[in-house]
Amino acid sequence: MSHAFRTLHQAMPIVAAALGRKFGVPVAVGGDEACTDGN
């Protein structure tokens, strides 16, 4: 895994949480697939 890819991969939960807070959407990071609760 390249350094740039690893850095981006590690930053994704931080970016997702920040966007979630900005738009009032709860974000949970974990597991190996993306999904929503329908809300």
C-alpha atoms as a PDB file:
ATOM      1  CA  MET A   1       0.000   0.000   0.000  1.00  0.00           C
ATOM      2  CA  SER A   2       1.476   3.347  -0.998  1.00  0.00           C
ATOM      3  CA  HIS A   3       2.063   6.069   1.561  1.00  0.00           C
ATOM      4  CA  ALA A   4      -0.450   8.407  -0.136  1.00  0.00           C
ATOM      5  CA  PHE A   5      -3.158   5.736  -0.186  1.00  0.00           C
ATOM      6  CA  ARG A   6      -2.519   4.776   3.440  1.00  0.00           C
ATOM      7  CA  THR A   7      -2.710   8.431   4.512  1.00  0.00           C
ATOM      8  CA  LEU A   8      -5.991   8.941   2.654  1.00  0.00           C
ATOM      9  CA  HIS A   9      -7.401   5.691   4.048  1.00  0.00           C
ATOM     10  CA  GLN A  10      -6.567   6.757   7.610  1.00  0.00           C
ATOM     11  CA  ALA A  11      -8.081  10.221   7.075  1.00  0.00           C
ATOM     12  CA  MET A  12     -11.460   8.984   5.813  1.00  0.00           C
ATOM     13  CA  PRO A  13     -13.073   8.416   9.255  1.00  0.00           C
ATOM     14  CA  ILE A  14     -11.955  11.890  10.355  1.00  0.00           C
ATOM     15  CA  VAL A  15     -13.363  13.515   7.215  1.00  0.00           C
ATOM     16  CA  ALA A  16     -16.613  11.527   7.476  1.00  0.00           C
ATOM     17  CA  ALA A  17     -17.086  12.537  11.114  1.00  0.00           C
ATOM     18  CA  ALA A  18     -16.442  16.204  10.321  1.00  0.00           C
ATOM     19  CA  LEU A  19     -18.929  16.189   7.439  1.00  0.00           C
ATOM     20  CA  GLY A  20     -21.448  14.355   9.590  1.00  0.00           C
ATOM     21  CA  ARG A  21     -21.215  17.006  12.289  1.00  0.00           C
ATOM     22  CA  LYS A  22     -21.530  19.784   9.714  1.00  0.00           C
ATOM     23  CA  PHE A  23     -24.692  18.328   8.174  1.00  0.00           C
ATOM     24  CA  GLY A  24     -26.185  16.819  11.335  1.00  0.00           C
ATOM     25  CA  VAL A  25     -25.779  13.230  10.178  1.00  0.00           C
ATOM     26  CA  PRO A  26     -24.553  10.637  12.673  1.00  0.00           C
ATOM     27  CA  VAL A  27     -21.540   8.743  11.325  1.00  0.00           C
ATOM     28  CA  ALA A  28     -20.302   5.385  12.625  1.00  0.00           C
ATOM     29  CA  VAL A  29     -17.127   3.882  11.207  1.00  0.00           C
ATOM     30  CA  GLY A  30     -16.414   0.176  11.433  1.00  0.00           C
ATOM     31  CA  GLY A  31     -16.815  -3.130   9.678  1.00  0.00           C
ATOM     32  CA  ASP A  32     -15.975  -3.828   6.078  1.00  0.00           C
ATOM     33  CA  GLU A  33     -18.951  -2.423   4.173  1.00  0.00           C
ATOM     34  CA  ALA A  34     -20.819   0.853   3.846  1.00  0.00           C
ATOM     35  CA  CYS A  35     -24.496   1.051   4.783  1.00  0.00           C
ATOM     36  CA  THR A  36     -27.144   3.388   6.158  1.00  0.00           C
ATOM     37  CA  ASP A  37     -30.039   3.014   8.561  1.00  0.00           C
ATOM     38  CA  GLY A  38     -32.398   4.593   6.034  1.00  0.00           C
ATOM     39  CA  ASN A  39     -32.630   7.999   7.696  1.00  0.00           C
END
